[in-house]
Protein backbone atom coordinates (compact mmCIF):
# COMPACT_ATOMS: atom_id res chain seq x y z
CA MET A 1 0.00 0.00 0.00
CA SER A 2 1.25 3.43 -0.79
CA VAL A 3 1.54 6.41 1.47
CA ALA A 4 -0.73 9.40 0.74
CA PRO A 5 1.26 12.15 -0.99
CA GLY A 6 2.21 15.09 1.19
CA LEU A 7 1.42 13.39 4.52
CA PRO A 8 4.31 11.28 5.76
CA GLY A 9 3.30 8.11 7.58
CA THR A 10 -0.43 8.26 6.73
CA ARG A 11 -2.37 5.62 4.90
CA PRO A 12 -5.35 6.22 2.59
CA TRP A 13 -7.67 4.11 4.74
CA MET A 14 -7.17 6.58 7.60
CA ALA A 15 -8.44 9.45 5.45
CA TRP A 16 -11.41 7.34 4.31
CA LEU A 17 -12.21 6.41 7.91
CA LEU A 18 -12.07 10.04 9.04
CA GLY A 19 -14.27 11.09 6.10
CA LEU A 20 -16.77 8.33 6.91
CA ALA A 21 -16.94 9.48 10.55
CA VAL A 22 -17.67 13.07 9.47
CA VAL A 23 -20.39 11.94 7.04
CA CYS A 24 -22.00 9.74 9.74
CA ALA A 25 -21.99 12.64 12.21
CA VAL A 26 -23.63 14.99 9.71
CA LEU A 27 -26.24 12.40 8.66
CA GLY A 28 -27.00 11.47 12.27
CA THR A 29 -27.49 15.10 13.21
CA ALA A 30 -29.73 15.73 10.20
CA TRP A 31 -31.80 12.62 10.93
CA GLN A 32 -32.32 13.64 14.57
CA ARG A 33 -33.20 17.17 13.57
CA PHE A 34 -35.82 16.22 11.01
CA ALA A 35 -37.13 12.87 12.27
CA GLY A 36 -36.88 13.47 16.00
CA GLU A 37 -39.41 15.16 18.24
CA PRO A 38 -39.45 18.89 17.59
CA LEU A 39 -37.89 21.05 20.26
CA SER A 40 -40.48 23.22 21.95
CA ASP A 41 -39.96 26.70 23.29
CA GLN A 42 -43.52 26.85 24.54
CA ALA A 43 -43.89 27.56 28.21
CA GLY A 44 -47.40 26.08 28.37
CA PRO A 45 -50.66 27.59 29.58
CA VAL A 46 -50.37 30.43 32.09
CA GLN A 47 -51.41 29.45 35.62
CA TRP A 48 -50.79 32.85 37.24
CA GLN A 49 -49.59 36.23 36.08
CA ARG A 50 -48.48 39.42 37.76
CA SER A 51 -47.59 42.82 36.25
CA LEU A 52 -44.67 44.45 38.04
CA HIS A 53 -42.41 47.47 37.86
CA PHE A 54 -38.85 47.29 39.17
CA ALA A 55 -37.07 50.41 40.42
CA ASP A 56 -33.56 51.06 41.70
CA ARG A 57 -33.44 52.79 45.08
CA ALA A 58 -30.79 55.24 46.27
CA ASN A 59 -29.44 52.69 48.77
CA GLY A 60 -28.90 50.10 45.99
CA ASP A 61 -32.00 48.02 46.69
CA ILE A 62 -34.38 46.96 43.94
CA ALA A 63 -38.00 47.86 44.72
CA VAL A 64 -40.75 45.70 43.23
CA LEU A 65 -43.98 47.58 42.61
CA ASP A 66 -47.37 46.13 41.78
CA ALA A 67 -48.35 47.68 38.43
CA ALA A 68 -52.06 47.94 39.26
CA SER A 69 -51.73 49.67 42.64
CA GLY A 70 -48.25 51.22 42.36
CA LEU A 71 -47.50 49.93 45.87
CA GLU A 72 -44.27 48.24 46.82
CA VAL A 73 -44.77 44.49 47.26
CA ALA A 74 -41.14 43.50 47.79
CA HIS A 75 -37.58 44.66 47.57
CA PHE A 76 -34.28 42.96 47.00
CA GLN A 77 -31.31 43.88 49.17
CA GLY A 78 -27.68 43.10 48.61
CA GLU A 79 -25.90 42.00 45.48
CA GLN A 80 -28.78 40.10 43.81
CA GLY A 81 -26.63 39.32 40.78
CA PHE A 82 -29.16 37.23 38.87
CA VAL A 83 -32.11 39.55 39.55
CA ARG A 84 -30.07 42.61 38.53
CA GLY A 85 -28.71 40.86 35.44
CA ALA A 86 -32.13 39.71 34.25
CA LEU A 87 -33.67 43.14 34.73
CA ARG A 88 -30.66 44.86 33.14
CA SER A 89 -31.00 42.76 29.98
CA LEU A 90 -34.70 43.65 29.66
CA ALA A 91 -34.01 47.34 30.31
CA ARG A 92 -31.21 47.36 27.72
CA GLU A 93 -33.62 46.07 25.06
CA ARG A 94 -36.07 48.82 25.96
CA ARG A 95 -33.39 51.48 25.59
CA ARG A 96 -32.38 50.05 22.20
CA SER A 97 -36.00 50.32 21.11
CA GLY A 98 -36.30 53.87 22.44
CA LEU A 99 -38.80 52.82 25.12
CA GLY A 100 -39.00 53.87 28.75
CA PRO A 101 -40.02 52.09 31.96
CA GLU A 102 -43.71 53.03 31.76
CA GLN A 103 -45.05 49.61 30.76
CA PRO A 104 -44.74 46.91 33.44
CA PHE A 105 -43.02 43.56 33.04
CA GLU A 106 -45.15 40.42 33.21
CA LEU A 107 -44.12 37.64 35.58
CA MET A 108 -45.90 34.41 34.68
CA GLY A 109 -46.08 30.95 36.18
CA HIS A 110 -47.07 28.17 33.82
CA THR A 111 -48.90 24.90 34.44
CA ASN A 112 -45.76 22.93 33.52
CA GLY A 113 -43.75 24.67 36.27
CA ARG A 114 -41.93 27.15 34.06
CA ILE A 115 -41.56 30.74 35.19
CA THR A 116 -41.28 33.49 32.61
CA LEU A 117 -40.43 37.18 32.88
CA ARG A 118 -41.74 38.92 29.77
CA ASP A 119 -41.43 42.47 28.53
CA PRO A 120 -44.58 43.22 26.52
CA ALA A 121 -43.00 46.44 25.22
CA THR A 122 -40.20 44.63 23.34
CA GLY A 123 -41.53 41.06 23.22
CA MET A 124 -38.39 39.81 24.97
CA ARG A 125 -38.94 36.83 27.26
CA LEU A 126 -36.69 35.17 29.85
CA ASN A 127 -37.44 31.57 30.79
CA LEU A 128 -36.21 31.85 34.35
CA GLU A 129 -36.13 28.13 35.17
CA SER A 130 -33.41 27.81 32.51
CA PHE A 131 -31.04 29.52 34.95
CA GLY A 132 -31.64 26.98 37.72
CA PRO A 133 -34.17 26.56 40.52
CA THR A 134 -32.51 29.02 42.90
CA ASN A 135 -32.57 31.84 40.36
CA ALA A 136 -36.15 31.06 39.29
CA ALA A 137 -37.19 31.07 42.97
CA ASN A 138 -35.95 34.68 43.29
CA PHE A 139 -38.77 35.70 40.99
CA SER A 140 -41.41 33.08 41.83
CA ARG A 141 -41.60 34.43 45.39
CA LEU A 142 -43.09 37.60 43.92
CA GLN A 143 -46.28 35.72 43.02
CA SER A 144 -47.68 36.06 46.53
CA ALA A 145 -45.88 39.23 47.68
CA SER A 146 -48.37 41.73 49.10
CA PRO A 147 -48.35 45.52 49.56
CA ALA A 148 -49.77 44.96 53.05
CA ALA A 149 -46.55 43.25 54.11
CA PRO A 150 -43.77 43.91 51.57
CA ALA A 151 -41.26 41.09 51.45
CA THR A 152 -37.52 41.67 51.76
CA PHE A 153 -35.19 39.33 49.95
CA VAL A 154 -31.58 39.56 51.07
CA THR A 155 -28.55 38.06 49.35
CA PRO A 156 -26.82 35.85 51.89
CA VAL A 157 -23.25 36.86 52.70
CA THR A 158 -20.76 34.18 51.71
CA GLN A 159 -17.41 33.54 53.30
CA GLY A 160 -14.65 35.68 51.89
CA LYS A 161 -16.96 38.58 51.13
CA SER A 162 -17.57 41.46 53.43
């Protein structure tokens, strides 16, 4: 058997084997994509929904206001990295679209357990359970938050941070 030109020490069967592996991978992916069960982005029917405004306070807290009454139902204290990041991404899309904070966000719980934060102004939607149960719980607690007794959610202090 001869050696493939330009590649010292290789044999033609190695190139054929590598080519066959690539073809199998492409065909397998195509088959799964077209013959497999379609991937669904649907969150399912809405079980509960709440319209909320979020506002930064001078002390760094995030106030959560009920859109219907305008009353504070909760506030987040401390770092709140996920909450801040989620709200920042929605606010950034509003700024890009030239929109302000007038329209509330919609927090929705679905019958299949998914939790969604949606911006009706831009159509942007965050499937919160995709970021893990702890992060989704930060928002799901707002379902029952009441203006009569506003809830305070504090980021726990971890070792090494002051």
